[in-house]
PDB file of N, CA and C in Angstrom:
ATOM      1  N   VAL A   1     -29.240  11.225 -35.950  1.00  0.00           N
ATOM      2  CA  VAL A   1     -29.666  11.390 -37.332  1.00  0.00           C
ATOM      3  C   VAL A   1     -29.387  12.833 -37.731  1.00  0.00           C
ATOM      4  N   VAL A   2     -28.620  13.016 -38.773  1.00  0.00           N
ATOM      5  CA  VAL A   2     -28.245  14.346 -39.234  1.00  0.00           C
ATOM      6  C   VAL A   2     -29.435  14.971 -39.964  1.00  0.00           C
ATOM      7  N   PRO A   3     -29.830  16.197 -39.584  1.00  0.00           N
ATOM      8  CA  PRO A   3     -30.948  16.851 -40.275  1.00  0.00           C
ATOM      9  C   PRO A   3     -30.697  16.931 -41.779  1.00  0.00           C
ATOM     10  N   ASP A   4     -31.747  16.699 -42.544  1.00  0.00           N
ATOM     11  CA  ASP A   4     -31.728  16.775 -44.011  1.00  0.00           C
ATOM     12  C   ASP A   4     -30.922  15.661 -44.673  1.00  0.00           C
ATOM     13  N   SER A   5     -30.460  14.684 -43.903  1.00  0.00           N
ATOM     14  CA  SER A   5     -29.725  13.551 -44.475  1.00  0.00           C
ATOM     15  C   SER A   5     -30.726  12.553 -45.067  1.00  0.00           C
ATOM     16  N   PRO A   6     -30.249  11.611 -45.882  1.00  0.00           N
ATOM     17  CA  PRO A   6     -31.150  10.582 -46.403  1.00  0.00           C
ATOM     18  C   PRO A   6     -31.866   9.804 -45.291  1.00  0.00           C
ATOM     19  N   ALA A   7     -31.173   9.540 -44.188  1.00  0.00           N
ATOM     20  CA  ALA A   7     -31.812   8.828 -43.071  1.00  0.00           C
ATOM     21  C   ALA A   7     -32.960   9.648 -42.495  1.00  0.00           C
ATOM     22  N   ALA A   8     -32.739  10.944 -42.306  1.00  0.00           N
ATOM     23  CA  ALA A   8     -33.790  11.815 -41.785  1.00  0.00           C
ATOM     24  C   ALA A   8     -34.957  11.882 -42.764  1.00  0.00           C
ATOM     25  N   LYS A   9     -34.657  11.985 -44.051  1.00  0.00           N
ATOM     26  CA  LYS A   9     -35.710  12.054 -45.067  1.00  0.00           C
ATOM     27  C   LYS A   9     -36.511  10.762 -45.137  1.00  0.00           C
ATOM     28  N   ALA A  10     -35.883   9.634 -44.773  1.00  0.00           N
ATOM     29  CA  ALA A  10     -36.582   8.343 -44.764  1.00  0.00           C
ATOM     30  C   ALA A  10     -37.384   8.138 -43.485  1.00  0.00           C
ATOM     31  N   GLY A  11     -37.274   9.080 -42.538  1.00  0.00           N
ATOM     32  CA  GLY A  11     -38.062   8.997 -41.321  1.00  0.00           C
ATOM     33  C   GLY A  11     -37.344   8.479 -40.104  1.00  0.00           C
ATOM     34  N   LEU A  12     -36.038   8.190 -40.200  1.00  0.00           N
ATOM     35  CA  LEU A  12     -35.302   7.742 -39.022  1.00  0.00           C
ATOM     36  C   LEU A  12     -35.197   8.873 -38.011  1.00  0.00           C
ATOM     37  N   GLN A  13     -35.233   8.500 -36.744  1.00  0.00           N
ATOM     38  CA  GLN A  13     -35.114   9.465 -35.660  1.00  0.00           C
ATOM     39  C   GLN A  13     -34.058   8.978 -34.681  1.00  0.00           C
ATOM     40  N   ALA A  14     -33.522   9.915 -33.907  1.00  0.00           N
ATOM     41  CA  ALA A  14     -32.569   9.554 -32.865  1.00  0.00           C
ATOM     42  C   ALA A  14     -33.209   8.508 -31.971  1.00  0.00           C
ATOM     43  N   GLY A  15     -32.475   7.457 -31.673  1.00  0.00           N
ATOM     44  CA  GLY A  15     -32.981   6.388 -30.823  1.00  0.00           C
ATOM     45  C   GLY A  15     -33.508   5.191 -31.601  1.00  0.00           C
ATOM     46  N   ASP A  16     -33.761   5.346 -32.901  1.00  0.00           N
ATOM     47  CA  ASP A  16     -34.175   4.202 -33.710  1.00  0.00           C
ATOM     48  C   ASP A  16     -33.021   3.210 -33.780  1.00  0.00           C
ATOM     49  N   LEU A  17     -33.341   1.938 -33.824  1.00  0.00           N
ATOM     50  CA  LEU A  17     -32.324   0.895 -33.960  1.00  0.00           C
ATOM     51  C   LEU A  17     -32.406   0.297 -35.353  1.00  0.00           C
ATOM     52  N   ILE A  18     -31.276   0.215 -36.036  1.00  0.00           N
ATOM     53  CA  ILE A  18     -31.219  -0.451 -37.336  1.00  0.00           C
ATOM     54  C   ILE A  18     -30.950  -1.914 -37.063  1.00  0.00           C
ATOM     55  N   ILE A  19     -31.883  -2.773 -37.475  1.00  0.00           N
ATOM     56  CA  ILE A  19     -31.707  -4.201 -37.198  1.00  0.00           C
ATOM     57  C   ILE A  19     -31.352  -5.012 -38.441  1.00  0.00           C
ATOM     58  N   LYS A  20     -31.678  -4.483 -39.639  1.00  0.00           N
ATOM     59  CA  LYS A  20     -31.283  -5.154 -40.880  1.00  0.00           C
ATOM     60  C   LYS A  20     -31.013  -4.120 -41.957  1.00  0.00           C
ATOM     61  N   VAL A  21     -30.031  -4.432 -42.797  1.00  0.00           N
ATOM     62  CA  VAL A  21     -29.742  -3.653 -43.997  1.00  0.00           C
ATOM     63  C   VAL A  21     -29.733  -4.643 -45.152  1.00  0.00           C
ATOM     64  N   ASN A  22     -30.560  -4.387 -46.150  1.00  0.00           N
ATOM     65  CA  ASN A  22     -30.666  -5.278 -47.300  1.00  0.00           C
ATOM     66  C   ASN A  22     -30.920  -6.727 -46.865  1.00  0.00           C
ATOM     67  N   GLY A  23     -31.722  -6.893 -45.839  1.00  0.00           N
ATOM     68  CA  GLY A  23     -32.099  -8.224 -45.366  1.00  0.00           C
ATOM     69  C   GLY A  23     -31.077  -8.905 -44.477  1.00  0.00           C
ATOM     70  N   GLN A  24     -29.930  -8.278 -44.266  1.00  0.00           N
ATOM     71  CA  GLN A  24     -28.874  -8.872 -43.450  1.00  0.00           C
ATOM     72  C   GLN A  24     -28.882  -8.264 -42.049  1.00  0.00           C
ATOM     73  N   GLU A  25     -28.779  -9.114 -41.037  1.00  0.00           N
ATOM     74  CA  GLU A  25     -28.811  -8.657 -39.652  1.00  0.00           C
ATOM     75  C   GLU A  25     -27.653  -7.722 -39.335  1.00  0.00           C
ATOM     76  N   VAL A  26     -27.951  -6.696 -38.565  1.00  0.00           N
ATOM     77  CA  VAL A  26     -26.944  -5.730 -38.116  1.00  0.00           C
ATOM     78  C   VAL A  26     -26.681  -5.966 -36.642  1.00  0.00           C
ATOM     79  N   ARG A  27     -25.431  -6.241 -36.313  1.00  0.00           N
ATOM     80  CA  ARG A  27     -25.039  -6.424 -34.912  1.00  0.00           C
ATOM     81  C   ARG A  27     -24.181  -5.280 -34.407  1.00  0.00           C
ATOM     82  N   SER A  28     -23.562  -4.540 -35.351  1.00  0.00           N
ATOM     83  CA  SER A  28     -22.734  -3.399 -34.965  1.00  0.00           C
ATOM     84  C   SER A  28     -22.735  -2.385 -36.106  1.00  0.00           C
ATOM     85  N   TYR A  29     -22.217  -1.214 -35.809  1.00  0.00           N
ATOM     86  CA  TYR A  29     -22.094  -0.163 -36.813  1.00  0.00           C
ATOM     87  C   TYR A  29     -21.282  -0.651 -38.021  1.00  0.00           C
ATOM     88  N   LEU A  30     -20.280  -1.489 -37.787  1.00  0.00           N
ATOM     89  CA  LEU A  30     -19.443  -1.998 -38.870  1.00  0.00           C
ATOM     90  C   LEU A  30     -20.235  -2.833 -39.863  1.00  0.00           C
ATOM     91  N   ASP A  31     -21.262  -3.545 -39.383  1.00  0.00           N
ATOM     92  CA  ASP A  31     -22.098  -4.340 -40.277  1.00  0.00           C
ATOM     93  C   ASP A  31     -22.811  -3.454 -41.295  1.00  0.00           C
ATOM     94  N   ILE A  32     -23.206  -2.273 -40.873  1.00  0.00           N
ATOM     95  CA  ILE A  32     -23.893  -1.357 -41.790  1.00  0.00           C
ATOM     96  C   ILE A  32     -22.941  -0.961 -42.913  1.00  0.00           C
ATOM     97  N   GLY A  33     -21.728  -0.597 -42.566  1.00  0.00           N
ATOM     98  CA  GLY A  33     -20.740  -0.228 -43.577  1.00  0.00           C
ATOM     99  C   GLY A  33     -20.457  -1.350 -44.553  1.00  0.00           C
ATOM    100  N   ARG A  34     -20.363  -2.558 -44.045  1.00  0.00           N
ATOM    101  CA  ARG A  34     -20.110  -3.711 -44.921  1.00  0.00           C
ATOM    102  C   ARG A  34     -21.281  -3.915 -45.881  1.00  0.00           C
ATOM    103  N   GLN A  35     -22.490  -3.769 -45.395  1.00  0.00           N
ATOM    104  CA  GLN A  35     -23.662  -3.961 -46.246  1.00  0.00           C
ATOM    105  C   GLN A  35     -23.770  -2.877 -47.320  1.00  0.00           C
ATOM    106  N   LEU A  36     -23.340  -1.667 -47.003  1.00  0.00           N
ATOM    107  CA  LEU A  36     -23.470  -0.560 -47.948  1.00  0.00           C
ATOM    108  C   LEU A  36     -22.310  -0.473 -48.938  1.00  0.00           C
ATOM    109  N   ALA A  37     -21.252  -1.237 -48.711  1.00  0.00           N
ATOM    110  CA  ALA A  37     -20.047  -1.141 -49.531  1.00  0.00           C
ATOM    111  C   ALA A  37     -20.312  -1.398 -51.013  1.00  0.00           C
ATOM    112  N   GLY A  38     -21.256  -2.230 -51.341  1.00  0.00           N
ATOM    113  CA  GLY A  38     -21.518  -2.573 -52.739  1.00  0.00           C
ATOM    114  C   GLY A  38     -22.492  -1.646 -53.442  1.00  0.00           C
ATOM    115  N   TYR A  39     -22.932  -0.613 -52.758  1.00  0.00           N
ATOM    116  CA  TYR A  39     -23.910   0.309 -53.334  1.00  0.00           C
ATOM    117  C   TYR A  39     -23.246   1.596 -53.783  1.00  0.00           C
ATOM    118  N   ASN A  40     -23.967   2.332 -54.615  1.00  0.00           N
ATOM    119  CA  ASN A  40     -23.501   3.616 -55.122  1.00  0.00           C
ATOM    120  C   ASN A  40     -24.438   4.731 -54.674  1.00  0.00           C
ATOM    121  N   PRO A  41     -23.963   5.974 -54.679  1.00  0.00           N
ATOM    122  CA  PRO A  41     -24.852   7.094 -54.356  1.00  0.00           C
ATOM    123  C   PRO A  41     -26.090   7.062 -55.250  1.00  0.00           C
ATOM    124  N   GLY A  42     -27.227   7.304 -54.642  1.00  0.00           N
ATOM    125  CA  GLY A  42     -28.497   7.276 -55.368  1.00  0.00           C
ATOM    126  C   GLY A  42     -29.213   5.945 -55.300  1.00  0.00           C
ATOM    127  N   ASP A  43     -28.492   4.864 -54.951  1.00  0.00           N
ATOM    128  CA  ASP A  43     -29.139   3.557 -54.817  1.00  0.00           C
ATOM    129  C   ASP A  43     -30.093   3.576 -53.631  1.00  0.00           C
ATOM    130  N   LEU A  44     -31.208   2.882 -53.772  1.00  0.00           N
ATOM    131  CA  LEU A  44     -32.148   2.706 -52.664  1.00  0.00           C
ATOM    132  C   LEU A  44     -31.814   1.411 -51.946  1.00  0.00           C
ATOM    133  N   VAL A  45     -31.659   1.487 -50.643  1.00  0.00           N
ATOM    134  CA  VAL A  45     -31.288   0.324 -49.839  1.00  0.00           C
ATOM    135  C   VAL A  45     -32.373   0.078 -48.795  1.00  0.00           C
ATOM    136  N   PRO A  46     -32.862  -1.167 -48.692  1.00  0.00           N
ATOM    137  CA  PRO A  46     -33.867  -1.461 -47.672  1.00  0.00           C
ATOM    138  C   PRO A  46     -33.235  -1.571 -46.280  1.00  0.00           C
ATOM    139  N   PHE A  47     -33.853  -0.904 -45.335  1.00  0.00           N
ATOM    140  CA  PHE A  47     -33.458  -0.938 -43.927  1.00  0.00           C
ATOM    141  C   PHE A  47     -34.660  -1.419 -43.119  1.00  0.00           C
ATOM    142  N   LEU A  48     -34.404  -2.181 -42.075  1.00  0.00           N
ATOM    143  CA  LEU A  48     -35.438  -2.521 -41.108  1.00  0.00           C
ATOM    144  C   LEU A  48     -35.001  -1.923 -39.783  1.00  0.00           C
ATOM    145  N   THR A  49     -35.866  -1.092 -39.219  1.00  0.00           N
ATOM    146  CA  THR A  49     -35.540  -0.414 -37.973  1.00  0.00           C
ATOM    147  C   THR A  49     -36.613  -0.715 -36.942  1.00  0.00           C
ATOM    148  N   THR A  50     -36.307  -0.425 -35.683  1.00  0.00           N
ATOM    149  CA  THR A  50     -37.313  -0.498 -34.633  1.00  0.00           C
ATOM    150  C   THR A  50     -37.332   0.829 -33.883  1.00  0.00           C
ATOM    151  N   ARG A  51     -38.544   1.193 -33.480  1.00  0.00           N
ATOM    152  CA  ARG A  51     -38.737   2.370 -32.631  1.00  0.00           C
ATOM    153  C   ARG A  51     -39.833   1.990 -31.636  1.00  0.00           C
ATOM    154  N   ASP A  52     -39.501   2.074 -30.371  1.00  0.00           N
ATOM    155  CA  ASP A  52     -40.459   1.738 -29.317  1.00  0.00           C
ATOM    156  C   ASP A  52     -41.046   0.343 -29.511  1.00  0.00           C
ATOM    157  N   GLY A  53     -40.199  -0.588 -29.962  1.00  0.00           N
ATOM    158  CA  GLY A  53     -40.623  -1.980 -30.112  1.00  0.00           C
ATOM    159  C   GLY A  53     -41.394  -2.283 -31.378  1.00  0.00           C
ATOM    160  N   VAL A  54     -41.595  -1.296 -32.245  1.00  0.00           N
ATOM    161  CA  VAL A  54     -42.328  -1.497 -33.497  1.00  0.00           C
ATOM    162  C   VAL A  54     -41.345  -1.462 -34.666  1.00  0.00           C
ATOM    163  N   GLU A  55     -41.418  -2.491 -35.534  1.00  0.00           N
ATOM    164  CA  GLU A  55     -40.532  -2.542 -36.692  1.00  0.00           C
ATOM    165  C   GLU A  55     -41.056  -1.647 -37.808  1.00  0.00           C
ATOM    166  N   HIS A  56     -40.106  -1.030 -38.519  1.00  0.00           N
ATOM    167  CA  HIS A  56     -40.436  -0.159 -39.645  1.00  0.00           C
ATOM    168  C   HIS A  56     -39.529  -0.506 -40.817  1.00  0.00           C
ATOM    169  N   ALA A  57     -40.122  -0.839 -41.962  1.00  0.00           N
ATOM    170  CA  ALA A  57     -39.353  -1.073 -43.178  1.00  0.00           C
ATOM    171  C   ALA A  57     -39.198   0.263 -43.888  1.00  0.00           C
ATOM    172  N   ARG A  58     -37.966   0.575 -44.288  1.00  0.00           N
ATOM    173  CA  ARG A  58     -37.683   1.854 -44.948  1.00  0.00           C
ATOM    174  C   ARG A  58     -36.729   1.618 -46.114  1.00  0.00           C
ATOM    175  N   GLU A  59     -36.783   2.506 -47.083  1.00  0.00           N
ATOM    176  CA  GLU A  59     -35.786   2.520 -48.145  1.00  0.00           C
ATOM    177  C   GLU A  59     -35.062   3.855 -48.055  1.00  0.00           C
ATOM    178  N   ILE A  60     -33.754   3.778 -48.025  1.00  0.00           N
ATOM    179  CA  ILE A  60     -32.948   4.976 -47.902  1.00  0.00           C
ATOM    180  C   ILE A  60     -32.111   5.141 -49.168  1.00  0.00           C
ATOM    181  N   SER A  61     -32.187   6.327 -49.763  1.00  0.00           N
ATOM    182  CA  SER A  61     -31.395   6.657 -50.940  1.00  0.00           C
ATOM    183  C   SER A  61     -30.023   7.118 -50.467  1.00  0.00           C
ATOM    184  N   LEU A  62     -28.992   6.421 -50.912  1.00  0.00           N
ATOM    185  CA  LEU A  62     -27.647   6.731 -50.446  1.00  0.00           C
ATOM    186  C   LEU A  62     -27.108   8.005 -51.087  1.00  0.00           C
ATOM    187  N   MET A  63     -26.285   8.697 -50.333  1.00  0.00           N
ATOM    188  CA  MET A  63     -25.610   9.889 -50.826  1.00  0.00           C
ATOM    189  C   MET A  63     -24.117   9.623 -50.826  1.00  0.00           C
ATOM    190  N   PRO A  64     -23.325  10.452 -51.510  1.00  0.00           N
ATOM    191  CA  PRO A  64     -21.875  10.252 -51.465  1.00  0.00           C
ATOM    192  C   PRO A  64     -21.370  10.291 -50.027  1.00  0.00           C
ATOM    193  N   ARG A  65     -20.338   9.520 -49.754  1.00  0.00           N
ATOM    194  CA  ARG A  65     -19.768   9.486 -48.400  1.00  0.00           C
ATOM    195  C   ARG A  65     -19.248  10.852 -48.031  1.00  0.00           C
ATOM    196  N   GLN A  66     -19.562  11.242 -46.797  1.00  0.00           N
ATOM    197  CA  GLN A  66     -19.111  12.513 -46.258  1.00  0.00           C
ATOM    198  C   GLN A  66     -18.771  12.302 -44.803  1.00  0.00           C
ATOM    199  N   ASN A  67     -18.015  13.192 -44.273  1.00  0.00           N
ATOM    200  CA  ASN A  67     -17.757  13.170 -42.841  1.00  0.00           C
ATOM    201  C   ASN A  67     -18.713  14.153 -42.197  1.00  0.00           C
ATOM    202  N   PHE A  68     -19.614  13.635 -41.374  1.00  0.00           N
ATOM    203  CA  PHE A  68     -20.553  14.471 -40.656  1.00  0.00           C
ATOM    204  C   PHE A  68     -20.038  14.663 -39.233  1.00  0.00           C
ATOM    205  N   SER A  69     -20.142  15.856 -38.744  1.00  0.00           N
ATOM    206  CA  SER A  69     -19.807  16.056 -37.350  1.00  0.00           C
ATOM    207  C   SER A  69     -21.050  15.769 -36.522  1.00  0.00           C
ATOM    208  N   ALA A  70     -20.853  15.235 -35.359  1.00  0.00           N
ATOM    209  CA  ALA A  70     -21.980  14.895 -34.484  1.00  0.00           C
ATOM    210  C   ALA A  70     -22.641  16.177 -34.018  1.00  0.00           C
ATOM    211  N   PRO A  71     -23.983  16.177 -33.989  1.00  0.00           N
ATOM    212  CA  PRO A  71     -24.700  17.380 -33.528  1.00  0.00           C
ATOM    213  C   PRO A  71     -24.496  17.620 -32.053  1.00  0.00           C
TER     214      PRO A  71
END
């Protein structure tokens, strides 16, 4: 999770698993991209994540696409 990114601001942490985006199951990183393709920067998108076996519903405000380097 990139510091100060929308994911970080929504409470995601390293090790969290994204299991659904907009109600659709996520099986790979590519599924996330497909689900986000129809959204615009600033849109709120519902995510369902798990951390330590506990599910967390979150809304993440999208930002313009950027290339982030891995920390």
